[in-house]
C-alpha atoms as a PDB file:
ATOM      1  CA  UNK A   1       9.900   8.712 -20.067  1.00  0.00           C
ATOM      2  CA  UNK A   2      13.328   8.424 -18.980  1.00  0.00           C
ATOM      3  CA  UNK A   3      14.792   5.876 -16.149  1.00  0.00           C
ATOM      4  CA  UNK A   4      15.825   8.731 -13.838  1.00  0.00           C
ATOM      5  CA  UNK A   5      12.888  11.150 -13.757  1.00  0.00           C
ATOM      6  CA  UNK A   6      10.148   8.324 -13.379  1.00  0.00           C
ATOM      7  CA  UNK A   7      12.754   7.282 -10.767  1.00  0.00           C
ATOM      8  CA  UNK A   8      13.196  10.517  -8.944  1.00  0.00           C
ATOM      9  CA  UNK A   9       9.839  11.306  -8.897  1.00  0.00           C
ATOM     10  CA  UNK A  10       8.908   8.214  -7.877  1.00  0.00           C
ATOM     11  CA  UNK A  11      10.587   7.893  -4.184  1.00  0.00           C
ATOM     12  CA  UNK A  12       9.857  12.234  -3.935  1.00  0.00           C
ATOM     13  CA  UNK A  13       6.148  11.056  -3.732  1.00  0.00           C
ATOM     14  CA  UNK A  14       7.222   7.691  -1.324  1.00  0.00           C
ATOM     15  CA  UNK A  15       9.404   9.685   0.774  1.00  0.00           C
ATOM     16  CA  UNK A  16       6.761  12.907   1.262  1.00  0.00           C
ATOM     17  CA  UNK A  17       4.033  10.169   1.897  1.00  0.00           C
ATOM     18  CA  UNK A  18       6.567   8.786   4.277  1.00  0.00           C
ATOM     19  CA  UNK A  19       7.291  11.328   6.372  1.00  0.00           C
ATOM     20  CA  UNK A  20       3.487  12.990   7.138  1.00  0.00           C
ATOM     21  CA  UNK A  21       2.886   9.520   8.436  1.00  0.00           C
ATOM     22  CA  UNK A  22       5.611   9.471  10.082  1.00  0.00           C
ATOM     23  CA  UNK A  23       4.545  12.758  11.883  1.00  0.00           C
ATOM     24  CA  UNK A  24       0.913  11.102  12.306  1.00  0.00           C
ATOM     25  CA  UNK A  25       2.047   8.109  13.942  1.00  0.00           C
ATOM     26  CA  UNK A  26       3.801  10.033  16.281  1.00  0.00           C
ATOM     27  CA  UNK A  27       2.230  12.948  17.414  1.00  0.00           C
ATOM     28  CA  UNK A  28      -0.941  10.549  17.633  1.00  0.00           C
ATOM     29  CA  UNK A  29       1.080   8.571  20.062  1.00  0.00           C
ATOM     30  CA  UNK A  30       2.281  11.933  22.163  1.00  0.00           C
ATOM     31  CA  UNK A  31      -1.804  12.108  22.597  1.00  0.00           C
ATOM     32  CA  UNK A  32      -2.005   8.856  23.294  1.00  0.00           C
ATOM     33  CA  UNK A  33       0.275   8.755  26.896  1.00  0.00           C
ATOM     34  CA  UNK A  34      -1.472  11.806  27.738  1.00  0.00           C
ATOM     35  CA  UNK A  35      -5.062  10.167  27.507  1.00  0.00           C
ATOM     36  CA  UNK A  36      -4.161   6.871  29.495  1.00  0.00           C
ATOM     37  CA  UNK A  37      -4.343   7.803  32.902  1.00  0.00           C
ATOM     38  CA  UNK A  38      -2.768   4.981  34.763  1.00  0.00           C
ATOM     39  CA  UNK A  39       0.203   3.789  32.620  1.00  0.00           C
ATOM     40  CA  UNK A  40       3.917   2.004  35.038  1.00  0.00           C
ATOM     41  CA  UNK A  41       7.576   2.396  33.381  1.00  0.00           C
ATOM     42  CA  UNK A  42       7.381  -1.173  31.672  1.00  0.00           C
ATOM     43  CA  UNK A  43       4.166  -0.568  29.197  1.00  0.00           C
ATOM     44  CA  UNK A  44       5.527   2.806  28.498  1.00  0.00           C
ATOM     45  CA  UNK A  45       8.319   1.600  27.097  1.00  0.00           C
ATOM     46  CA  UNK A  46       5.959  -0.835  25.117  1.00  0.00           C
ATOM     47  CA  UNK A  47       4.487   2.278  23.548  1.00  0.00           C
ATOM     48  CA  UNK A  48       6.716   4.138  22.056  1.00  0.00           C
ATOM     49  CA  UNK A  49       9.003   0.688  20.929  1.00  0.00           C
ATOM     50  CA  UNK A  50       5.730  -0.079  19.341  1.00  0.00           C
ATOM     51  CA  UNK A  51       6.160   2.562  17.042  1.00  0.00           C
ATOM     52  CA  UNK A  52       9.983   1.822  16.489  1.00  0.00           C
ATOM     53  CA  UNK A  53       8.202  -1.569  14.931  1.00  0.00           C
ATOM     54  CA  UNK A  54       5.704  -0.521  13.383  1.00  0.00           C
ATOM     55  CA  UNK A  55       7.410   1.850  10.741  1.00  0.00           C
ATOM     56  CA  UNK A  56      10.017  -1.418  10.568  1.00  0.00           C
ATOM     57  CA  UNK A  57      13.540   0.188  11.938  1.00  0.00           C
ATOM     58  CA  UNK A  58      13.759  -1.425  14.782  1.00  0.00           C
ATOM     59  CA  UNK A  59      17.107  -3.044  14.486  1.00  0.00           C
ATOM     60  CA  UNK A  60      18.508   0.348  13.146  1.00  0.00           C
ATOM     61  CA  UNK A  61      16.832   1.872  16.494  1.00  0.00           C
ATOM     62  CA  UNK A  62      18.823  -0.331  18.943  1.00  0.00           C
ATOM     63  CA  UNK A  63      22.003   0.452  17.140  1.00  0.00           C
ATOM     64  CA  UNK A  64      21.763   4.385  17.948  1.00  0.00           C
ATOM     65  CA  UNK A  65      19.747   3.544  21.455  1.00  0.00           C
ATOM     66  CA  UNK A  66      20.040   0.929  24.363  1.00  0.00           C
ATOM     67  CA  UNK A  67      16.629   1.930  25.367  1.00  0.00           C
ATOM     68  CA  UNK A  68      12.332   3.322  23.832  1.00  0.00           C
ATOM     69  CA  UNK A  69      12.124   5.576  26.218  1.00  0.00           C
ATOM     70  CA  UNK A  70       9.734   9.228  24.650  1.00  0.00           C
ATOM     71  CA  UNK A  71      13.074  10.973  23.715  1.00  0.00           C
ATOM     72  CA  UNK A  72      14.958   7.705  22.269  1.00  0.00           C
ATOM     73  CA  UNK A  73      12.292   7.198  20.462  1.00  0.00           C
ATOM     74  CA  UNK A  74      11.205  10.815  19.335  1.00  0.00           C
ATOM     75  CA  UNK A  75      14.982  12.009  18.548  1.00  0.00           C
ATOM     76  CA  UNK A  76      15.221   8.527  15.915  1.00  0.00           C
ATOM     77  CA  UNK A  77      11.970   9.230  14.498  1.00  0.00           C
ATOM     78  CA  UNK A  78      11.962  13.099  13.996  1.00  0.00           C
ATOM     79  CA  UNK A  79      15.248  14.450  13.507  1.00  0.00           C
ATOM     80  CA  UNK A  80      17.973  11.757  14.110  1.00  0.00           C
ATOM     81  CA  UNK A  81      20.244  11.452  10.575  1.00  0.00           C
ATOM     82  CA  UNK A  82      21.597   8.714  10.558  1.00  0.00           C
ATOM     83  CA  UNK A  83      17.828   7.241  10.649  1.00  0.00           C
ATOM     84  CA  UNK A  84      17.270   7.438   5.971  1.00  0.00           C
ATOM     85  CA  UNK A  85      13.203   7.439   7.193  1.00  0.00           C
ATOM     86  CA  UNK A  86      13.070  10.147  10.126  1.00  0.00           C
ATOM     87  CA  UNK A  87      11.022  13.104   8.910  1.00  0.00           C
ATOM     88  CA  UNK A  88      13.904  15.045   8.552  1.00  0.00           C
ATOM     89  CA  UNK A  89      15.765  12.753   6.229  1.00  0.00           C
ATOM     90  CA  UNK A  90      12.480  11.339   4.752  1.00  0.00           C
ATOM     91  CA  UNK A  91      12.146  14.947   2.987  1.00  0.00           C
ATOM     92  CA  UNK A  92      15.286  16.020   2.998  1.00  0.00           C
ATOM     93  CA  UNK A  93      15.754  12.983   0.017  1.00  0.00           C
ATOM     94  CA  UNK A  94      12.444  13.884  -1.076  1.00  0.00           C
ATOM     95  CA  UNK A  95      14.205  17.759  -1.902  1.00  0.00           C
ATOM     96  CA  UNK A  96      17.119  15.934  -3.885  1.00  0.00           C
ATOM     97  CA  UNK A  97      14.825  13.705  -5.772  1.00  0.00           C
ATOM     98  CA  UNK A  98      12.836  16.777  -6.566  1.00  0.00           C
ATOM     99  CA  UNK A  99      15.648  18.332  -7.188  1.00  0.00           C
ATOM    100  CA  UNK A 100      17.346  16.460  -9.815  1.00  0.00           C
ATOM    101  CA  UNK A 101      14.215  16.087 -11.940  1.00  0.00           C
ATOM    102  CA  UNK A 102      13.694  20.021 -11.505  1.00  0.00           C
ATOM    103  CA  UNK A 103      13.054  20.826 -15.295  1.00  0.00           C
ATOM    104  CA  UNK A 104       9.852  18.136 -14.601  1.00  0.00           C
ATOM    105  CA  UNK A 105       8.011  19.627 -11.937  1.00  0.00           C
ATOM    106  CA  UNK A 106       5.896  23.167 -11.011  1.00  0.00           C
ATOM    107  CA  UNK A 107       7.865  26.017  -9.274  1.00  0.00           C
ATOM    108  CA  UNK A 108       5.281  26.067  -6.939  1.00  0.00           C
ATOM    109  CA  UNK A 109       5.785  22.627  -5.799  1.00  0.00           C
ATOM    110  CA  UNK A 110       9.986  23.163  -5.447  1.00  0.00           C
ATOM    111  CA  UNK A 111       8.711  25.213  -3.879  1.00  0.00           C
ATOM    112  CA  UNK A 112       6.342  23.968  -1.325  1.00  0.00           C
ATOM    113  CA  UNK A 113       9.173  21.175  -0.615  1.00  0.00           C
ATOM    114  CA  UNK A 114      11.845  23.527  -0.548  1.00  0.00           C
ATOM    115  CA  UNK A 115      10.053  25.912   2.145  1.00  0.00           C
ATOM    116  CA  UNK A 116       9.363  22.358   4.644  1.00  0.00           C
ATOM    117  CA  UNK A 117      12.626  21.338   4.360  1.00  0.00           C
ATOM    118  CA  UNK A 118      14.274  24.913   5.198  1.00  0.00           C
ATOM    119  CA  UNK A 119      12.484  24.427   7.912  1.00  0.00           C
ATOM    120  CA  UNK A 120      12.780  21.327   9.006  1.00  0.00           C
ATOM    121  CA  UNK A 121      17.085  21.990   8.876  1.00  0.00           C
ATOM    122  CA  UNK A 122      16.334  25.924  10.687  1.00  0.00           C
ATOM    123  CA  UNK A 123      16.535  26.359  14.905  1.00  0.00           C
ATOM    124  CA  UNK A 124      13.486  27.387  14.928  1.00  0.00           C
ATOM    125  CA  UNK A 125      12.079  23.347  13.833  1.00  0.00           C
ATOM    126  CA  UNK A 126      14.048  22.305  17.346  1.00  0.00           C
ATOM    127  CA  UNK A 127      12.578  25.554  19.088  1.00  0.00           C
ATOM    128  CA  UNK A 128       9.044  24.886  17.968  1.00  0.00           C
ATOM    129  CA  UNK A 129       9.455  20.800  19.049  1.00  0.00           C
ATOM    130  CA  UNK A 130      10.666  21.550  21.994  1.00  0.00           C
ATOM    131  CA  UNK A 131       7.412  24.321  22.635  1.00  0.00           C
ATOM    132  CA  UNK A 132       4.950  22.019  21.176  1.00  0.00           C
ATOM    133  CA  UNK A 133       5.385  19.152  18.934  1.00  0.00           C
ATOM    134  CA  UNK A 134       1.948  19.281  18.462  1.00  0.00           C
ATOM    135  CA  UNK A 135       2.364  22.204  16.248  1.00  0.00           C
ATOM    136  CA  UNK A 136       5.881  21.113  14.868  1.00  0.00           C
ATOM    137  CA  UNK A 137       3.286  17.921  13.583  1.00  0.00           C
ATOM    138  CA  UNK A 138       0.927  20.259  12.561  1.00  0.00           C
ATOM    139  CA  UNK A 139       3.277  21.776  10.523  1.00  0.00           C
ATOM    140  CA  UNK A 140       5.090  18.427   8.587  1.00  0.00           C
ATOM    141  CA  UNK A 141       1.378  17.381   7.891  1.00  0.00           C
ATOM    142  CA  UNK A 142       0.099  20.417   6.674  1.00  0.00           C
ATOM    143  CA  UNK A 143       2.929  21.481   4.214  1.00  0.00           C
ATOM    144  CA  UNK A 144       3.499  17.607   3.014  1.00  0.00           C
ATOM    145  CA  UNK A 145      -0.942  17.729   1.997  1.00  0.00           C
ATOM    146  CA  UNK A 146      -0.148  21.516   0.295  1.00  0.00           C
ATOM    147  CA  UNK A 147       2.505  19.517  -1.321  1.00  0.00           C
ATOM    148  CA  UNK A 148       0.008  16.811  -2.269  1.00  0.00           C
ATOM    149  CA  UNK A 149      -2.658  19.745  -3.433  1.00  0.00           C
ATOM    150  CA  UNK A 150      -0.155  21.077  -5.515  1.00  0.00           C
ATOM    151  CA  UNK A 151       1.149  18.018  -8.021  1.00  0.00           C
ATOM    152  CA  UNK A 152      -3.028  17.228  -8.782  1.00  0.00           C
ATOM    153  CA  UNK A 153      -3.648  20.768  -9.302  1.00  0.00           C
ATOM    154  CA  UNK A 154      -0.352  22.220 -11.638  1.00  0.00           C
ATOM    155  CA  UNK A 155       1.483  18.705 -12.538  1.00  0.00           C
ATOM    156  CA  UNK A 156       0.382  17.069 -16.096  1.00  0.00           C
ATOM    157  CA  UNK A 157      -1.166  14.078 -15.447  1.00  0.00           C
ATOM    158  CA  UNK A 158       0.722  12.782 -18.000  1.00  0.00           C
ATOM    159  CA  UNK A 159       3.340   9.906 -17.200  1.00  0.00           C
ATOM    160  CA  UNK A 160       5.131  11.036 -14.796  1.00  0.00           C
ATOM    161  CA  UNK A 161       1.882  12.698 -12.505  1.00  0.00           C
ATOM    162  CA  UNK A 162       0.935   8.851 -12.618  1.00  0.00           C
ATOM    163  CA  UNK A 163       4.571   7.231 -11.432  1.00  0.00           C
ATOM    164  CA  UNK A 164       3.883  10.157  -8.659  1.00  0.00           C
ATOM    165  CA  UNK A 165       0.732   9.332  -8.338  1.00  0.00           C
ATOM    166  CA  UNK A 166       1.845   4.951  -7.780  1.00  0.00           C
ATOM    167  CA  UNK A 167       4.844   6.409  -5.587  1.00  0.00           C
ATOM    168  CA  UNK A 168       2.319   8.055  -3.140  1.00  0.00           C
ATOM    169  CA  UNK A 169      -0.389   5.046  -2.649  1.00  0.00           C
ATOM    170  CA  UNK A 170       1.651   2.318  -2.619  1.00  0.00           C
ATOM    171  CA  UNK A 171       3.832   4.440   0.364  1.00  0.00           C
ATOM    172  CA  UNK A 172       0.687   5.003   2.237  1.00  0.00           C
ATOM    173  CA  UNK A 173      -1.244   1.225   2.025  1.00  0.00           C
ATOM    174  CA  UNK A 174       1.913   0.272   3.164  1.00  0.00           C
ATOM    175  CA  UNK A 175       1.782   2.876   6.111  1.00  0.00           C
ATOM    176  CA  UNK A 176      -1.362   1.898   7.098  1.00  0.00           C
ATOM    177  CA  UNK A 177      -1.017  -2.022   7.787  1.00  0.00           C
ATOM    178  CA  UNK A 178       2.015  -0.163   9.510  1.00  0.00           C
ATOM    179  CA  UNK A 179      -0.706   1.685  11.796  1.00  0.00           C
ATOM    180  CA  UNK A 180      -2.996  -0.881  11.957  1.00  0.00           C
ATOM    181  CA  UNK A 181      -0.712  -3.453  12.983  1.00  0.00           C
ATOM    182  CA  UNK A 182       0.987  -1.121  16.112  1.00  0.00           C
ATOM    183  CA  UNK A 183      -2.285  -2.401  18.139  1.00  0.00           C
ATOM    184  CA  UNK A 184      -2.721  -5.707  16.268  1.00  0.00           C
ATOM    185  CA  UNK A 185       0.625  -7.674  16.795  1.00  0.00           C
ATOM    186  CA  UNK A 186      -1.366  -8.009  19.807  1.00  0.00           C
ATOM    187  CA  UNK A 187      -4.273  -9.402  19.416  1.00  0.00           C
ATOM    188  CA  UNK A 188      -5.001 -13.880  19.242  1.00  0.00           C
ATOM    189  CA  UNK A 189      -5.063 -15.682  15.913  1.00  0.00           C
ATOM    190  CA  UNK A 190      -8.997 -16.773  15.771  1.00  0.00           C
ATOM    191  CA  UNK A 191     -12.079 -14.884  16.213  1.00  0.00           C
ATOM    192  CA  UNK A 192     -11.501 -11.891  19.152  1.00  0.00           C
ATOM    193  CA  UNK A 193     -14.150 -10.891  21.388  1.00  0.00           C
ATOM    194  CA  UNK A 194     -15.724  -7.344  20.910  1.00  0.00           C
ATOM    195  CA  UNK A 195     -16.367  -6.625  24.022  1.00  0.00           C
ATOM    196  CA  UNK A 196     -12.786  -4.365  25.301  1.00  0.00           C
ATOM    197  CA  UNK A 197     -11.692  -2.293  27.834  1.00  0.00           C
ATOM    198  CA  UNK A 198     -11.800   1.706  27.725  1.00  0.00           C
ATOM    199  CA  UNK A 199      -8.085   1.911  27.445  1.00  0.00           C
ATOM    200  CA  UNK A 200      -8.306  -0.904  24.498  1.00  0.00           C
ATOM    201  CA  UNK A 201     -11.149   1.812  23.362  1.00  0.00           C
ATOM    202  CA  UNK A 202      -8.788   4.780  23.613  1.00  0.00           C
ATOM    203  CA  UNK A 203      -5.641   2.977  21.614  1.00  0.00           C
ATOM    204  CA  UNK A 204      -7.810   1.793  18.946  1.00  0.00           C
ATOM    205  CA  UNK A 205      -8.818   5.844  18.220  1.00  0.00           C
ATOM    206  CA  UNK A 206      -5.440   6.358  18.577  1.00  0.00           C
ATOM    207  CA  UNK A 207      -5.186   4.077  15.065  1.00  0.00           C
ATOM    208  CA  UNK A 208      -8.176   5.911  14.124  1.00  0.00           C
ATOM    209  CA  UNK A 209      -5.907   9.144  14.101  1.00  0.00           C
ATOM    210  CA  UNK A 210      -2.449   7.860  13.004  1.00  0.00           C
ATOM    211  CA  UNK A 211      -4.185   6.682   9.717  1.00  0.00           C
ATOM    212  CA  UNK A 212      -6.842  10.629   9.994  1.00  0.00           C
ATOM    213  CA  UNK A 213      -9.347   8.292   9.888  1.00  0.00           C
ATOM    214  CA  UNK A 214     -11.057   9.243  12.837  1.00  0.00           C
ATOM    215  CA  UNK A 215     -14.080  11.564  11.549  1.00  0.00           C
ATOM    216  CA  UNK A 216     -14.560   9.357   8.947  1.00  0.00           C
ATOM    217  CA  UNK A 217     -15.591   6.335  10.391  1.00  0.00           C
ATOM    218  CA  UNK A 218     -17.580   8.017  12.854  1.00  0.00           C
ATOM    219  CA  UNK A 219     -19.793   9.184  10.218  1.00  0.00           C
ATOM    220  CA  UNK A 220     -19.818   5.646   9.452  1.00  0.00           C
ATOM    221  CA  UNK A 221     -19.933   3.689  12.790  1.00  0.00           C
ATOM    222  CA  UNK A 222     -20.582   6.972  15.308  1.00  0.00           C
ATOM    223  CA  UNK A 223     -18.410   6.585  17.717  1.00  0.00           C
ATOM    224  CA  UNK A 224     -18.810   3.064  19.042  1.00  0.00           C
ATOM    225  CA  UNK A 225     -14.961   0.583  18.746  1.00  0.00           C
ATOM    226  CA  UNK A 226     -14.876  -2.171  17.295  1.00  0.00           C
ATOM    227  CA  UNK A 227     -12.438  -4.064  16.589  1.00  0.00           C
ATOM    228  CA  UNK A 228     -13.850  -6.259  13.166  1.00  0.00           C
ATOM    229  CA  UNK A 229     -14.980  -2.181  12.339  1.00  0.00           C
ATOM    230  CA  UNK A 230     -11.578  -0.625  12.749  1.00  0.00           C
ATOM    231  CA  UNK A 231     -10.183  -2.867  11.184  1.00  0.00           C
ATOM    232  CA  UNK A 232     -12.022  -3.735   8.518  1.00  0.00           C
ATOM    233  CA  UNK A 233     -12.990   0.472   7.495  1.00  0.00           C
ATOM    234  CA  UNK A 234      -8.982   0.559   7.239  1.00  0.00           C
ATOM    235  CA  UNK A 235      -8.239  -2.511   5.291  1.00  0.00           C
ATOM    236  CA  UNK A 236     -11.506  -2.843   3.393  1.00  0.00           C
ATOM    237  CA  UNK A 237     -13.583  -0.117   2.961  1.00  0.00           C
ATOM    238  CA  UNK A 238     -12.870   1.157  -0.825  1.00  0.00           C
ATOM    239  CA  UNK A 239     -13.743   4.941   0.090  1.00  0.00           C
ATOM    240  CA  UNK A 240     -11.668   6.698   2.453  1.00  0.00           C
ATOM    241  CA  UNK A 241      -8.788   7.685   1.061  1.00  0.00           C
ATOM    242  CA  UNK A 242      -5.896   6.058   3.718  1.00  0.00           C
ATOM    243  CA  UNK A 243      -7.362   2.216   3.754  1.00  0.00           C
ATOM    244  CA  UNK A 244      -5.410  -0.641   1.720  1.00  0.00           C
ATOM    245  CA  UNK A 245      -8.379  -1.453  -0.746  1.00  0.00           C
ATOM    246  CA  UNK A 246      -8.507   2.450  -1.605  1.00  0.00           C
ATOM    247  CA  UNK A 247      -4.869   2.450  -1.961  1.00  0.00           C
ATOM    248  CA  UNK A 248      -4.096  -0.365  -3.834  1.00  0.00           C
ATOM    249  CA  UNK A 249      -6.752  -0.018  -6.121  1.00  0.00           C
ATOM    250  CA  UNK A 250      -5.631   3.517  -7.257  1.00  0.00           C
ATOM    251  CA  UNK A 251      -1.970   1.820  -7.617  1.00  0.00           C
ATOM    252  CA  UNK A 252      -3.350  -0.572  -9.783  1.00  0.00           C
ATOM    253  CA  UNK A 253      -4.928   1.937 -11.556  1.00  0.00           C
ATOM    254  CA  UNK A 254      -1.680   4.323 -12.093  1.00  0.00           C
ATOM    255  CA  UNK A 255      -0.361   1.363 -13.628  1.00  0.00           C
ATOM    256  CA  UNK A 256      -2.408   0.514 -16.265  1.00  0.00           C
ATOM    257  CA  UNK A 257      -2.709   4.426 -17.178  1.00  0.00           C
ATOM    258  CA  UNK A 258       1.043   4.235 -17.201  1.00  0.00           C
ATOM    259  CA  UNK A 259       1.155   0.839 -19.558  1.00  0.00           C
ATOM    260  CA  UNK A 260      -2.168   1.300 -21.130  1.00  0.00           C
ATOM    261  CA  UNK A 261      -3.105  -2.389 -20.033  1.00  0.00           C
ATOM    262  CA  UNK A 262      -7.237  -2.402 -19.658  1.00  0.00           C
ATOM    263  CA  UNK A 263      -8.776  -4.213 -16.606  1.00  0.00           C
ATOM    264  CA  UNK A 264      -8.021  -8.000 -16.419  1.00  0.00           C
ATOM    265  CA  UNK A 265      -4.742  -8.066 -17.770  1.00  0.00           C
ATOM    266  CA  UNK A 266      -1.099  -7.677 -17.724  1.00  0.00           C
ATOM    267  CA  UNK A 267       1.648  -6.950 -19.333  1.00  0.00           C
ATOM    268  CA  UNK A 268       4.106  -6.861 -16.025  1.00  0.00           C
ATOM    269  CA  UNK A 269       5.187  -8.191 -13.114  1.00  0.00           C
ATOM    270  CA  UNK A 270       3.698  -5.311 -11.060  1.00  0.00           C
ATOM    271  CA  UNK A 271       0.817  -5.335 -12.585  1.00  0.00           C
ATOM    272  CA  UNK A 272       0.654  -8.628 -12.355  1.00  0.00           C
ATOM    273  CA  UNK A 273       0.787  -8.350  -7.960  1.00  0.00           C
ATOM    274  CA  UNK A 274      -0.954  -5.740  -7.819  1.00  0.00           C
ATOM    275  CA  UNK A 275      -3.974  -6.899  -9.794  1.00  0.00           C
ATOM    276  CA  UNK A 276      -4.359  -9.815  -7.709  1.00  0.00           C
ATOM    277  CA  UNK A 277      -3.759  -8.266  -4.177  1.00  0.00           C
ATOM    278  CA  UNK A 278      -6.790  -5.740  -5.305  1.00  0.00           C
ATOM    279  CA  UNK A 279      -8.819  -8.821  -6.561  1.00  0.00           C
ATOM    280  CA  UNK A 280      -7.835 -10.607  -3.076  1.00  0.00           C
ATOM    281  CA  UNK A 281      -8.986  -7.554  -1.282  1.00  0.00           C
ATOM    282  CA  UNK A 282     -12.147  -6.905  -2.928  1.00  0.00           C
ATOM    283  CA  UNK A 283     -13.248 -10.600  -2.178  1.00  0.00           C
ATOM    284  CA  UNK A 284     -12.562 -10.599   1.368  1.00  0.00           C
ATOM    285  CA  UNK A 285     -14.421  -9.952   4.411  1.00  0.00           C
ATOM    286  CA  UNK A 286     -13.140  -8.493   7.941  1.00  0.00           C
ATOM    287  CA  UNK A 287     -14.002 -12.373   8.832  1.00  0.00           C
ATOM    288  CA  UNK A 288     -11.485 -14.544   6.277  1.00  0.00           C
ATOM    289  CA  UNK A 289      -8.635 -11.561   7.783  1.00  0.00           C
ATOM    290  CA  UNK A 290      -9.450 -12.180  11.423  1.00  0.00           C
ATOM    291  CA  UNK A 291      -9.391 -16.505  10.996  1.00  0.00           C
ATOM    292  CA  UNK A 292      -5.463 -16.154   9.464  1.00  0.00           C
ATOM    293  CA  UNK A 293      -5.191 -12.964  12.086  1.00  0.00           C
ATOM    294  CA  UNK A 294      -4.851  -9.441  12.319  1.00  0.00           C
ATOM    295  CA  UNK A 295      -0.768  -9.462  12.666  1.00  0.00           C
ATOM    296  CA  UNK A 296      -0.122 -12.163   9.838  1.00  0.00           C
ATOM    297  CA  UNK A 297      -2.708 -11.031   7.657  1.00  0.00           C
ATOM    298  CA  UNK A 298      -0.753  -7.394   7.812  1.00  0.00           C
ATOM    299  CA  UNK A 299       2.903  -9.066   7.895  1.00  0.00           C
ATOM    300  CA  UNK A 300       1.602 -10.726   4.515  1.00  0.00           C
ATOM    301  CA  UNK A 301       0.431  -7.684   3.402  1.00  0.00           C
ATOM    302  CA  UNK A 302       3.650  -5.952   3.590  1.00  0.00           C
ATOM    303  CA  UNK A 303       5.260  -8.613   2.186  1.00  0.00           C
ATOM    304  CA  UNK A 304       3.369  -7.803  -0.563  1.00  0.00           C
ATOM    305  CA  UNK A 305       4.205  -4.685  -0.878  1.00  0.00           C
ATOM    306  CA  UNK A 306       7.523  -4.997  -1.012  1.00  0.00           C
ATOM    307  CA  UNK A 307       7.114  -6.954  -3.761  1.00  0.00           C
ATOM    308  CA  UNK A 308       4.618  -5.052  -6.148  1.00  0.00           C
ATOM    309  CA  UNK A 309       7.919  -2.221  -4.656  1.00  0.00           C
ATOM    310  CA  UNK A 310      10.216  -3.933  -6.387  1.00  0.00           C
ATOM    311  CA  UNK A 311       8.706  -5.149  -9.646  1.00  0.00           C
ATOM    312  CA  UNK A 312       7.735  -1.320 -10.522  1.00  0.00           C
ATOM    313  CA  UNK A 313      11.527  -0.553 -10.249  1.00  0.00           C
ATOM    314  CA  UNK A 314      11.959  -3.621 -12.850  1.00  0.00           C
ATOM    315  CA  UNK A 315       9.007  -2.491 -14.587  1.00  0.00           C
ATOM    316  CA  UNK A 316       9.093   0.736 -14.982  1.00  0.00           C
ATOM    317  CA  UNK A 317      13.323   2.060 -13.718  1.00  0.00           C
ATOM    318  CA  UNK A 318      15.716  -0.298 -14.363  1.00  0.00           C
ATOM    319  CA  UNK A 319      15.158  -3.242 -16.442  1.00  0.00           C
ATOM    320  CA  UNK A 320      13.558  -1.623 -19.629  1.00  0.00           C
ATOM    321  CA  UNK A 321      16.977   0.964 -20.013  1.00  0.00           C
ATOM    322  CA  UNK A 322      20.899   0.596 -21.331  1.00  0.00           C
ATOM    323  CA  UNK A 323      24.003   0.902 -19.590  1.00  0.00           C
ATOM    324  CA  UNK A 324      23.652   3.897 -19.437  1.00  0.00           C
ATOM    325  CA  UNK A 325      20.147   4.563 -17.639  1.00  0.00           C
ATOM    326  CA  UNK A 326      22.047   1.916 -14.989  1.00  0.00           C
ATOM    327  CA  UNK A 327      25.021   4.214 -14.946  1.00  0.00           C
ATOM    328  CA  UNK A 328      23.115   7.317 -14.275  1.00  0.00           C
ATOM    329  CA  UNK A 329      20.665   5.470 -11.471  1.00  0.00           C
ATOM    330  CA  UNK A 330      24.170   4.729  -9.726  1.00  0.00           C
ATOM    331  CA  UNK A 331      25.529   8.100  -9.931  1.00  0.00           C
ATOM    332  CA  UNK A 332      22.619   9.572  -8.510  1.00  0.00           C
ATOM    333  CA  UNK A 333      22.233   7.058  -5.598  1.00  0.00           C
ATOM    334  CA  UNK A 334      26.137   8.300  -4.814  1.00  0.00           C
ATOM    335  CA  UNK A 335      24.948  11.847  -5.396  1.00  0.00           C
ATOM    336  CA  UNK A 336      22.042  11.408  -2.593  1.00  0.00           C
ATOM    337  CA  UNK A 337      24.509   9.590  -0.536  1.00  0.00           C
ATOM    338  CA  UNK A 338      27.236  12.212  -0.734  1.00  0.00           C
ATOM    339  CA  UNK A 339      24.476  15.026   0.213  1.00  0.00           C
ATOM    340  CA  UNK A 340      23.457  12.271   3.257  1.00  0.00           C
ATOM    341  CA  UNK A 341      27.042  12.740   4.260  1.00  0.00           C
ATOM    342  CA  UNK A 342      26.924  16.916   4.015  1.00  0.00           C
ATOM    343  CA  UNK A 343      23.541  16.766   5.627  1.00  0.00           C
ATOM    344  CA  UNK A 344      25.334  15.100   9.156  1.00  0.00           C
ATOM    345  CA  UNK A 345      27.878  17.168   9.429  1.00  0.00           C
ATOM    346  CA  UNK A 346      25.281  20.331   9.200  1.00  0.00           C
ATOM    347  CA  UNK A 347      23.330  19.148  12.118  1.00  0.00           C
END
């Protein structure tokens, strides 16, 4: 598989997953603020600021907006062309990467991704947003899940498919930690009381809903919200498809399928880092996590995901290929930047 193909498939998968997760976060936060009966302006701003912090875009946000209001945050995370990780820009980047490897993907995948892109570019997207933000986000989520299903059902499960899986599950694991950290950053280090207020229960329920985990959580723990159970479910559960442990296990499987190396061994830094983190998750308890501090633990996890992402790039996209591959990647990045400038002008 050529480096340019791996590069495009990997980032196509990451941007699709990123758009879906941002849609979940913003949609659930809008619903949460409707459920909280008494909320002052300070608390309202704090709720929206926490969403920006969860995406890791706080610095970029305040370059464009003075205050974390509902209008400013939703515009920044949904439509803002200057935010490279907004929903509109994520789908645009996913489509650009798909276009560059059009011969490597199926017609069904291209058509659905292009349909979502054209919807977000059209005036009707703003109309749907103004009429019902929930309907807008449902369109993004449904289409993203449709694309994932098309990938699994129509692409040949070869090296290209495995690199898509690696990108998808790395992005998903990272976003799960960020969603959980929206509330986790408020908790102290050490033991945390199981008793929480009704308002806090609403907030932690929103965390579960942001990960599409509410129904799955209730099937195990009923409707009782306990901080340790929520954290354990979203981090350590080995059967829920959006838990950190599940995603890292799938990432580990994808990387080993790419190299053909058996479990317990590694041939590159990406496999080494992923296997080590998976072992830590397999032999950790929720008590270990809260002893470190939930926010501190999640911050460390995000750093590990960044290191794994860099290692994947060096192992499968950049390092093994010669000068021609490097020049092509530079040219590809320039094309994407030019496309971004064209999108800015059209919006």
